[in-house]
Amino acid sequence: MNQEIKISRSDLINKCEQFLGGKIQKSDLENYAWKLISEDFFDWDDEVISDIIFQWDNQTINFPINETNIRLWKHQLETDENLLEDYNLWNVHIDRQKAICEKYDSKWNPIDKKLKIGIGSERRCHTSFFKTQLCHSFVGEWG
């Protein structure tokens, strides 16, 4: 009977650092994740660890293993802040942008109703550079 091995965030951070340092490759991370999932004697009690191991083992349906994403996974392990969608999904900012325009009572005008892409069009959204930038980043309307 094998003794249980507890996997910690520092174990995954170490793998991230090895990848970033060129000591291991993408296939090594995939194999590591598969081994952790498939062997009964590995265990962890952390949802972030579970998510990252699953993502490393299933890049086809998750984010690709590359330098940027490894840095983001390492950041998530260190801080609990998941920024992978911000860096990998082209439209992740749209809902946030729309909420800011609505917060400042600016009318949201869809450019493409299917994709829900739009801009804030009323001057009230122009009360500061920050709000203007968020409300008008698609068309550069700095009025």
Protein backbone atom coordinates (compact mmCIF):
# COMPACT_ATOMS: atom_id res chain seq x y z
CA MET A 1 0.00 0.00 0.00
CA ASN A 2 1.37 3.37 -1.02
CA GLN A 3 1.53 6.25 1.42
CA GLU A 4 -0.57 9.29 0.52
CA ILE A 5 1.37 12.26 -0.88
CA LYS A 6 -0.15 15.65 -0.17
CA ILE A 7 0.21 18.13 -3.06
CA SER A 8 0.57 21.78 -2.06
CA ARG A 9 0.53 25.05 -3.93
CA SER A 10 4.30 25.25 -3.54
CA ASP A 11 4.59 21.99 -5.52
CA LEU A 12 2.75 23.56 -8.45
CA ILE A 13 4.61 26.86 -8.07
CA ASN A 14 7.84 24.86 -8.32
CA LYS A 15 6.60 23.27 -11.57
CA CYS A 16 5.75 26.74 -12.91
CA GLU A 17 9.23 27.98 -12.07
CA GLN A 18 10.81 24.91 -13.69
CA PHE A 19 8.81 25.57 -16.87
CA LEU A 20 9.67 29.28 -16.90
CA GLY A 21 13.33 28.42 -16.32
CA GLY A 22 13.35 26.04 -19.29
CA LYS A 23 13.95 22.97 -17.13
CA ILE A 24 10.71 21.23 -18.13
CA GLN A 25 8.45 21.40 -21.15
CA LYS A 26 4.72 21.48 -21.78
CA SER A 27 4.57 17.70 -22.09
CA ASP A 28 6.20 17.37 -18.66
CA LEU A 29 3.42 19.46 -17.10
CA GLU A 30 0.75 17.47 -18.92
CA ASN A 31 2.28 14.20 -17.72
CA TYR A 32 2.64 15.55 -14.18
CA ALA A 33 -1.02 16.59 -14.10
CA TRP A 34 -2.16 13.25 -15.49
CA LYS A 35 -0.11 11.39 -12.91
CA LEU A 36 -1.60 13.46 -10.07
CA ILE A 37 -5.13 12.82 -11.34
CA SER A 38 -4.74 9.13 -12.14
CA GLU A 39 -2.74 7.89 -9.14
CA ASP A 40 -4.69 7.22 -5.96
CA PHE A 41 -1.94 8.17 -3.55
CA PHE A 42 -1.83 11.87 -4.50
CA ASP A 43 -4.17 14.18 -2.64
CA TRP A 44 -4.85 17.91 -2.18
CA ASP A 45 -7.47 19.96 -0.37
CA ASP A 46 -7.41 23.13 -2.44
CA GLU A 47 -9.78 24.12 -5.23
CA VAL A 48 -7.14 26.27 -6.96
CA ILE A 49 -4.80 23.26 -7.12
CA SER A 50 -7.64 21.10 -8.50
CA ASP A 51 -8.49 23.66 -11.18
CA ILE A 52 -4.91 24.13 -12.32
CA ILE A 53 -4.13 20.41 -12.41
CA PHE A 54 -7.29 19.84 -14.45
CA GLN A 55 -6.33 22.66 -16.83
CA TRP A 56 -2.80 21.32 -17.32
CA ASP A 57 -4.21 17.90 -18.09
CA ASN A 58 -6.91 19.18 -20.46
CA GLN A 59 -5.51 22.02 -22.57
CA THR A 60 -7.84 21.18 -25.42
CA ILE A 61 -10.79 22.48 -23.43
CA ASN A 62 -8.88 24.91 -21.22
CA PHE A 63 -6.09 27.43 -21.70
CA PRO A 64 -2.89 26.43 -23.51
CA ILE A 65 0.28 25.78 -21.58
CA ASN A 66 2.59 28.62 -22.58
CA GLU A 67 4.85 31.10 -20.79
CA THR A 68 2.16 33.74 -20.26
CA ASN A 69 -0.38 31.28 -18.87
CA ILE A 70 2.21 29.61 -16.63
CA ARG A 71 2.96 33.04 -15.14
CA LEU A 72 -0.78 33.55 -14.63
CA TRP A 73 -1.22 30.13 -12.99
CA LYS A 74 1.73 30.87 -10.73
CA HIS A 75 0.16 34.21 -9.83
CA GLN A 76 -3.13 32.46 -9.05
CA LEU A 77 -1.37 29.95 -6.81
CA GLU A 78 0.34 32.79 -4.94
CA THR A 79 -2.60 35.21 -4.66
CA ASP A 80 -5.88 33.37 -5.46
CA GLU A 81 -6.42 35.90 -8.28
CA ASN A 82 -7.38 34.18 -11.53
CA LEU A 83 -6.46 36.37 -14.52
CA LEU A 84 -6.45 33.67 -17.21
CA GLU A 85 -9.68 34.82 -18.83
CA ASP A 86 -8.45 38.42 -18.89
CA TYR A 87 -5.44 37.39 -20.95
CA ASN A 88 -6.99 34.65 -23.08
CA LEU A 89 -10.53 35.66 -24.01
CA TRP A 90 -10.84 38.53 -26.47
CA ASN A 91 -14.24 39.66 -25.21
CA VAL A 92 -13.86 39.26 -21.44
CA HIS A 93 -13.89 43.03 -20.89
CA ILE A 94 -17.25 43.69 -22.57
CA ASP A 95 -19.53 43.05 -19.60
CA ARG A 96 -17.29 45.13 -17.33
CA GLN A 97 -17.23 47.91 -19.90
CA LYS A 98 -21.01 47.85 -20.24
CA ALA A 99 -21.45 47.94 -16.44
CA ILE A 100 -19.26 51.03 -16.15
CA CYS A 101 -21.22 52.82 -18.86
CA GLU A 102 -24.48 51.88 -17.12
CA LYS A 103 -23.11 52.98 -13.74
CA TYR A 104 -22.45 56.46 -15.13
CA ASP A 105 -25.80 56.56 -16.90
CA SER A 106 -24.31 56.32 -20.37
CA LYS A 107 -26.38 54.64 -23.07
CA TRP A 108 -24.91 51.31 -24.24
CA ASN A 109 -25.05 51.10 -28.05
CA PRO A 110 -24.38 47.63 -29.46
CA ILE A 111 -22.16 47.55 -32.51
CA ASP A 112 -23.02 43.90 -33.09
CA LYS A 113 -26.04 42.66 -31.16
CA LYS A 114 -25.03 38.99 -31.51
CA LEU A 115 -21.65 39.54 -29.89
CA LYS A 116 -23.02 42.19 -27.49
CA ILE A 117 -20.21 44.56 -28.44
CA GLY A 118 -21.00 48.21 -28.00
CA ILE A 119 -19.91 51.64 -26.89
CA GLY A 120 -21.24 54.20 -24.44
CA SER A 121 -22.45 57.15 -26.47
CA GLU A 122 -23.66 59.88 -24.17
CA ARG A 123 -21.37 62.59 -22.85
CA ARG A 124 -22.03 61.62 -19.23
CA CYS A 125 -19.61 58.76 -19.70
CA HIS A 126 -16.91 61.32 -20.46
CA THR A 127 -16.48 62.65 -16.92
CA SER A 128 -12.97 61.27 -16.58
CA PHE A 129 -10.32 59.80 -18.82
CA PHE A 130 -10.59 56.42 -17.08
CA LYS A 131 -14.33 56.10 -17.65
CA THR A 132 -14.01 57.40 -21.20
CA GLN A 133 -11.31 54.90 -21.99
CA LEU A 134 -13.44 52.01 -20.73
CA CYS A 135 -16.63 53.16 -22.43
CA HIS A 136 -15.07 53.99 -25.78
CA SER A 137 -12.12 51.73 -26.22
CA PHE A 138 -13.51 50.02 -29.33
CA VAL A 139 -13.90 53.07 -31.54
CA GLY A 140 -11.56 55.62 -30.01
CA GLU A 141 -14.38 58.10 -29.45
CA TRP A 142 -12.77 60.50 -26.98
CA GLY A 143 -15.24 63.40 -27.47
